[in-house]
Amino acid sequence: MDCVAVQRIEQIPSGEEWIREVKWDGYRVCVVKKADRVAIRTKSNQEPSARYKHIGESLSASRLPDCVLDAELVALGYGERPSFQLLQQSRRNDAPVVIYVFDLLNYRGRDLKKVPMWQRRSALDAMAAHFPEHVRISELLPEETQMARLVAALEQHRVEGIVVKRKESMYLEGKEPGSWVKFRLYEIDEFVIGGYLKRDDSFFDALIVGQYEGLDLLYKEKVRFGFDDEKKRRLLGLMKPLRVRECPFRNFPERRRRGALDDRQMAEAVWVAPHLRCIVEYTEKTEQGNIRGHGRFGEMLNGYSLR
């Protein structure tokens, strides 16, 4: 996909040559419809590890022509706010799960990937009137609204972020810097994995992560969100060979506070040698440098992939 790295708000481009839309907090999927057959797959060509078959059935029964859609599988919580946690647990809850469609890659057998973005979007807008239940178009955000006001409104509604796309950009495999810009409404940082809590989870309940200050690895937070079972399985496979008896963190045990690891929780922890690094997403940090809230797992570093 022709996307680039996350940018700061003052770096987000604006002007008539760009369109803006919501960055949904879900699973990126490709939808392929041919006659009454529908396939919904992730970027790695796997079935989503979330509830989605009702969407395929709705598309299959619809009168939409043969097409290939680029979309996001999203679970909706209170006030129809996207919730990644609800999506991860969607096989065990009844939260509404829908897809938001934001691009049209093929229409009636015609490959549109080399067609400019604005033309693909026009064709998608025309199709949207015929979308069946559980299928929604990702509406464009108003061009006339100032970026700062737009971001403030999105933060109020607790959406993940914003994507700005160049109208003339084509859909390319790989990356084309400058054609799509993503802006997240939360911070990201690099952390070291020093252990995990097993508890009653089939794989693990939470990662225990920290950051180095000098030569000391200091605990920062437990990370419980951002995983599906497949990610947990693969990550556990990376951690098991690194298990050690000694705690790698230098600031344990902590006094009781939200998010702390006290003596009781330390007894439940499984420690690992601090060789694995990952990205964690969070809203903000405390004055002591801890994550406020549990944070959400982003991706592995060290060249590892959980996809």
Protein backbone atom coordinates (compact mmCIF):
# COMPACT_ATOMS: atom_id res chain seq x y z
CA MET A 1 0.00 0.00 0.00
CA ASP A 2 1.25 3.49 -0.83
CA CYS A 3 1.29 4.71 2.77
CA VAL A 4 4.01 6.49 4.69
CA ALA A 5 4.91 6.74 8.34
CA VAL A 6 2.88 8.53 10.97
CA GLN A 7 3.36 12.30 10.89
CA ARG A 8 2.95 15.15 13.38
CA ILE A 9 -0.13 17.34 12.93
CA GLU A 10 1.84 20.36 11.66
CA GLN A 11 3.36 18.13 8.96
CA ILE A 12 0.06 16.80 7.64
CA PRO A 13 -0.47 18.22 4.14
CA SER A 14 -3.60 20.11 3.25
CA GLY A 15 -4.99 21.71 0.14
CA GLU A 16 -7.12 20.88 -2.86
CA GLU A 17 -4.81 18.07 -3.98
CA TRP A 18 -5.55 16.00 -0.83
CA ILE A 19 -8.54 14.15 0.60
CA ARG A 20 -8.97 13.30 4.29
CA GLU A 21 -10.72 10.43 6.03
CA VAL A 22 -10.88 8.62 9.36
CA LYS A 23 -8.24 6.03 10.22
CA TRP A 24 -10.38 3.21 11.62
CA ASP A 25 -9.22 1.11 14.56
CA GLY A 26 -9.69 -2.43 13.26
CA TYR A 27 -8.30 -5.10 10.94
CA ARG A 28 -7.34 -4.13 7.39
CA VAL A 29 -9.10 -6.50 4.98
CA CYS A 30 -9.55 -7.09 1.28
CA VAL A 31 -13.05 -8.02 0.10
CA VAL A 32 -13.38 -9.95 -3.15
CA LYS A 33 -16.89 -10.39 -4.56
CA LYS A 34 -17.53 -12.51 -7.64
CA ALA A 35 -21.18 -13.32 -8.38
CA ASP A 36 -22.55 -14.65 -5.09
CA ARG A 37 -19.14 -15.71 -3.76
CA VAL A 38 -17.37 -13.45 -1.28
CA ALA A 39 -13.94 -13.77 0.30
CA ILE A 40 -12.74 -11.53 3.13
CA ARG A 41 -9.03 -11.78 3.90
CA THR A 42 -6.38 -9.93 5.88
CA LYS A 43 -3.22 -8.44 4.33
CA SER A 44 -1.47 -11.77 4.91
CA ASN A 45 -4.30 -13.57 3.04
CA GLN A 46 -5.71 -15.12 6.21
CA GLU A 47 -9.25 -15.23 7.52
CA PRO A 48 -9.76 -12.45 10.10
CA SER A 49 -9.53 -13.66 13.67
CA ALA A 50 -12.81 -11.87 14.42
CA ARG A 51 -16.50 -12.29 13.71
CA TYR A 52 -17.09 -11.44 10.04
CA LYS A 53 -19.13 -14.15 8.27
CA HIS A 54 -22.37 -12.14 8.59
CA ILE A 55 -20.73 -9.48 6.43
CA GLY A 56 -19.84 -12.01 3.75
CA GLU A 57 -23.40 -13.33 3.76
CA SER A 58 -24.79 -9.82 3.40
CA LEU A 59 -22.48 -9.07 0.48
CA SER A 60 -23.21 -12.40 -1.15
CA ALA A 61 -26.96 -11.71 -1.15
CA SER A 62 -26.51 -8.14 -2.41
CA ARG A 63 -26.74 -6.84 -5.96
CA LEU A 64 -23.29 -5.33 -5.91
CA PRO A 65 -21.33 -6.16 -9.08
CA ASP A 66 -18.08 -8.11 -9.06
CA CYS A 67 -15.53 -5.98 -7.24
CA VAL A 68 -12.49 -5.88 -4.98
CA LEU A 69 -12.73 -3.53 -1.99
CA ASP A 70 -10.06 -2.24 0.40
CA ALA A 71 -11.67 -1.94 3.81
CA GLU A 72 -11.36 -2.06 7.60
CA LEU A 73 -13.15 -4.60 9.79
CA VAL A 74 -14.38 -2.67 12.84
CA ALA A 75 -16.29 -3.46 16.05
CA LEU A 76 -18.51 -0.70 17.41
CA GLY A 77 -18.91 0.08 21.09
CA TYR A 78 -20.95 2.68 22.96
CA GLY A 79 -22.07 5.49 20.68
CA GLU A 80 -20.79 3.49 17.68
CA ARG A 81 -17.22 4.28 18.65
CA PRO A 82 -14.69 1.85 17.13
CA SER A 83 -13.18 -0.50 19.72
CA PHE A 84 -10.21 -2.67 18.84
CA GLN A 85 -10.62 -4.56 22.11
CA LEU A 86 -14.22 -5.45 21.24
CA LEU A 87 -13.07 -6.58 17.80
CA GLN A 88 -10.43 -8.88 19.30
CA GLN A 89 -13.08 -10.40 21.55
CA SER A 90 -15.89 -10.32 18.96
CA ARG A 91 -16.27 -14.10 18.89
CA ARG A 92 -17.20 -13.84 22.58
CA ASN A 93 -19.44 -10.75 22.50
CA ASP A 94 -22.36 -9.34 20.51
CA ALA A 95 -20.86 -5.96 19.58
CA PRO A 96 -21.83 -4.84 16.05
CA VAL A 97 -19.05 -5.70 13.58
CA VAL A 98 -19.05 -3.86 10.25
CA ILE A 99 -16.63 -2.98 7.49
CA TYR A 100 -15.78 0.53 6.39
CA VAL A 101 -14.80 0.60 2.71
CA PHE A 102 -12.28 3.23 1.64
CA ASP A 103 -11.01 2.12 -1.78
CA LEU A 104 -12.15 0.29 -4.91
CA LEU A 105 -9.43 -1.81 -6.58
CA ASN A 106 -11.42 -3.69 -9.20
CA TYR A 107 -14.84 -3.07 -10.72
CA ARG A 108 -16.61 -5.57 -12.99
CA GLY A 109 -13.27 -7.17 -13.88
CA ARG A 110 -11.47 -3.88 -14.57
CA ASP A 111 -8.28 -3.33 -12.60
CA LEU A 112 -8.41 0.18 -11.08
CA LYS A 113 -5.12 0.20 -9.17
CA LYS A 114 -3.46 2.45 -11.79
CA VAL A 115 -6.42 4.84 -11.83
CA PRO A 116 -5.97 8.06 -9.79
CA MET A 117 -7.36 8.04 -6.28
CA TRP A 118 -10.06 10.64 -6.96
CA GLN A 119 -11.50 8.54 -9.82
CA ARG A 120 -11.51 5.37 -7.70
CA ARG A 121 -13.20 7.33 -4.96
CA SER A 122 -15.88 8.67 -7.32
CA ALA A 123 -16.68 5.14 -8.47
CA LEU A 124 -16.79 3.96 -4.84
CA ASP A 125 -19.17 6.78 -3.87
CA ALA A 126 -21.52 5.72 -6.68
CA MET A 127 -21.47 2.11 -5.42
CA ALA A 128 -22.08 3.06 -1.80
CA ALA A 129 -25.81 3.60 -2.30
CA HIS A 130 -26.10 -0.14 -2.95
CA PHE A 131 -24.00 -1.33 -0.01
CA PRO A 132 -25.85 -4.00 2.00
CA GLU A 133 -26.25 -4.23 5.75
CA HIS A 134 -22.99 -4.21 7.76
CA VAL A 135 -21.10 -2.51 4.89
CA ARG A 136 -20.39 1.22 5.12
CA ILE A 137 -18.38 3.72 3.16
CA SER A 138 -15.59 5.53 4.96
CA GLU A 139 -16.85 9.08 4.53
CA LEU A 140 -14.45 11.82 3.49
CA LEU A 141 -13.81 14.52 6.06
CA PRO A 142 -14.67 18.11 5.08
CA GLU A 143 -11.89 19.86 3.19
CA GLU A 144 -12.83 23.31 4.46
CA THR A 145 -12.32 22.45 8.15
CA GLN A 146 -8.96 23.49 9.61
CA MET A 147 -6.75 20.55 10.54
CA ALA A 148 -6.47 21.50 14.22
CA ARG A 149 -10.27 21.69 14.59
CA LEU A 150 -10.67 18.43 12.70
CA VAL A 151 -8.19 16.60 14.93
CA ALA A 152 -9.86 17.99 18.06
CA ALA A 153 -13.25 16.67 16.86
CA LEU A 154 -11.80 13.24 16.09
CA GLU A 155 -10.15 13.07 19.52
CA GLN A 156 -13.48 13.87 21.14
CA HIS A 157 -15.06 10.91 19.33
CA ARG A 158 -12.08 8.70 20.27
CA VAL A 159 -11.21 7.58 16.75
CA GLU A 160 -7.75 6.21 15.99
CA GLY A 161 -6.54 8.92 13.65
CA ILE A 162 -6.70 10.47 10.21
CA VAL A 163 -5.40 9.50 6.76
CA VAL A 164 -4.62 12.15 4.14
CA LYS A 165 -4.36 10.88 0.54
CA ARG A 166 -3.10 12.60 -2.57
CA LYS A 167 -5.95 12.74 -5.09
CA GLU A 168 -3.71 11.79 -8.02
CA SER A 169 -2.05 8.85 -6.23
CA MET A 170 -2.34 5.34 -7.63
CA TYR A 171 -2.72 2.16 -5.60
CA LEU A 172 0.77 0.66 -5.48
CA GLU A 173 2.13 -2.42 -3.77
CA GLY A 174 4.89 -1.38 -1.41
CA LYS A 175 5.42 2.22 -0.37
CA GLU A 176 5.41 5.54 -2.17
CA PRO A 177 6.43 8.28 0.31
CA GLY A 178 4.20 11.32 0.32
CA SER A 179 1.09 9.92 -1.36
CA TRP A 180 -0.72 8.73 1.80
CA VAL A 181 0.01 10.23 5.23
CA LYS A 182 -1.29 8.74 8.48
CA PHE A 183 -1.73 10.70 11.69
CA ARG A 184 -2.52 8.86 14.93
CA LEU A 185 -4.19 10.55 17.85
CA TYR A 186 -1.94 8.79 20.34
CA GLU A 187 1.76 8.46 21.06
CA ILE A 188 4.02 5.56 20.13
CA ASP A 189 7.33 4.53 21.67
CA GLU A 190 9.79 1.64 21.76
CA PHE A 191 9.78 -0.71 24.76
CA VAL A 192 11.71 -3.80 25.90
CA ILE A 193 9.81 -6.98 26.76
CA GLY A 194 10.99 -8.31 30.12
CA GLY A 195 8.27 -10.80 30.95
CA TYR A 196 4.60 -11.67 30.82
CA LEU A 197 1.67 -12.63 33.02
CA LYS A 198 0.10 -15.98 32.15
CA ARG A 199 -2.98 -16.12 34.38
CA ASP A 200 -5.97 -17.91 32.81
CA ASP A 201 -5.16 -17.00 29.21
CA SER A 202 -4.33 -19.80 26.76
CA PHE A 203 -1.19 -17.89 25.77
CA PHE A 204 -0.54 -14.93 28.06
CA ASP A 205 -2.63 -12.22 29.72
CA ALA A 206 -0.25 -9.26 29.43
CA LEU A 207 3.27 -8.31 28.39
CA ILE A 208 5.51 -6.68 30.99
CA VAL A 209 7.49 -3.92 29.25
CA GLY A 210 10.03 -1.31 30.25
CA GLN A 211 12.66 1.10 28.99
CA TYR A 212 16.35 1.52 29.73
CA GLU A 213 17.58 4.44 31.80
CA GLY A 214 21.32 4.12 31.58
CA LEU A 215 22.10 0.45 32.22
CA ASP A 216 18.94 -0.16 34.24
CA LEU A 217 15.78 -1.62 32.68
CA LEU A 218 12.83 0.07 34.41
CA TYR A 219 9.28 -1.25 34.30
CA LYS A 220 6.74 1.01 32.59
CA GLU A 221 3.49 -0.91 32.14
CA LYS A 222 1.56 -4.12 31.47
CA VAL A 223 0.31 -4.30 27.87
CA ARG A 224 -2.95 -6.22 27.45
CA PHE A 225 -4.42 -4.83 24.24
CA GLY A 226 -3.46 -5.05 20.58
CA PHE A 227 -3.27 -8.85 20.32
CA ASP A 228 -5.35 -11.54 18.74
CA ASP A 229 -4.76 -15.22 19.52
CA GLU A 230 -2.48 -15.71 16.52
CA LYS A 231 -0.23 -12.81 17.53
CA LYS A 232 -0.12 -14.10 21.08
CA ARG A 233 0.81 -17.59 19.90
CA ARG A 234 3.68 -16.33 17.74
CA LEU A 235 4.95 -13.91 20.37
CA LEU A 236 4.89 -16.61 23.04
CA GLY A 237 6.98 -18.74 20.68
CA LEU A 238 9.59 -15.96 20.63
CA MET A 239 9.56 -15.50 24.41
CA LYS A 240 9.69 -19.11 25.57
CA PRO A 241 13.36 -19.72 24.61
CA LEU A 242 14.29 -16.52 26.48
CA ARG A 243 12.73 -17.42 29.85
CA VAL A 244 14.95 -16.70 32.85
CA ARG A 245 14.55 -17.00 36.63
CA GLU A 246 15.81 -13.54 37.56
CA CYS A 247 13.64 -10.45 37.08
CA PRO A 248 15.36 -8.10 34.55
CA PHE A 249 13.68 -4.93 35.92
CA ARG A 250 15.50 -2.83 38.55
CA ASN A 251 12.50 -1.03 40.09
CA PHE A 252 10.52 -3.98 41.52
CA PRO A 253 8.57 -4.55 43.61
CA GLU A 254 6.50 -1.37 43.40
CA ARG A 255 4.10 0.17 45.83
CA ARG A 256 0.46 -0.47 45.09
CA ARG A 257 -0.90 1.76 42.35
CA ARG A 258 -2.87 1.28 39.16
CA GLY A 259 -0.64 -0.63 36.76
CA ALA A 260 2.00 -1.51 39.36
CA LEU A 261 3.66 -4.90 39.77
CA ASP A 262 3.69 -5.60 43.50
CA ASP A 263 4.97 -8.69 45.32
CA ARG A 264 1.84 -10.71 44.54
CA GLN A 265 1.91 -10.03 40.81
CA MET A 266 5.67 -10.55 40.63
CA ALA A 267 5.11 -14.07 41.94
CA GLU A 268 2.80 -14.70 38.96
CA ALA A 269 5.19 -13.27 36.35
CA VAL A 270 7.24 -15.23 33.84
CA TRP A 271 10.52 -13.37 33.19
CA VAL A 272 12.37 -13.31 29.88
CA ALA A 273 15.81 -12.05 28.93
CA PRO A 274 15.35 -8.47 27.64
CA HIS A 275 16.26 -9.10 24.02
CA LEU A 276 12.89 -8.44 22.35
CA ARG A 277 11.75 -4.91 21.54
CA CYS A 278 8.32 -3.73 20.45
CA ILE A 279 6.29 -0.63 19.69
CA VAL A 280 3.53 0.27 22.16
CA GLU A 281 0.81 2.83 21.47
CA TYR A 282 -0.55 4.91 24.36
CA THR A 283 -2.47 8.10 25.04
CA GLU A 284 0.04 9.75 27.38
CA LYS A 285 2.69 9.19 30.05
CA THR A 286 2.67 10.13 33.73
CA GLU A 287 5.24 12.49 35.26
CA GLN A 288 7.19 9.38 36.31
CA GLY A 289 7.36 8.21 32.68
CA ASN A 290 4.87 5.35 33.05
CA ILE A 291 2.14 4.71 30.47
CA ARG A 292 -1.23 6.08 31.53
CA GLY A 293 -3.63 3.22 30.81
CA HIS A 294 -2.51 -0.21 29.69
CA GLY A 295 -1.32 0.81 26.24
CA ARG A 296 -1.75 -1.20 23.07
CA PHE A 297 0.76 -3.47 21.37
CA GLY A 298 1.79 -2.13 17.97
CA GLU A 299 4.45 -4.29 16.32
CA MET A 300 7.65 -6.20 16.97
CA LEU A 301 11.10 -4.79 16.28
CA ASN A 302 14.36 -6.79 15.99
CA GLY A 303 13.24 -7.80 12.49
CA TYR A 304 10.47 -10.04 13.87
CA SER A 305 6.96 -10.09 12.40
CA LEU A 306 3.84 -11.54 14.03
CA ARG A 307 1.80 -11.50 10.81
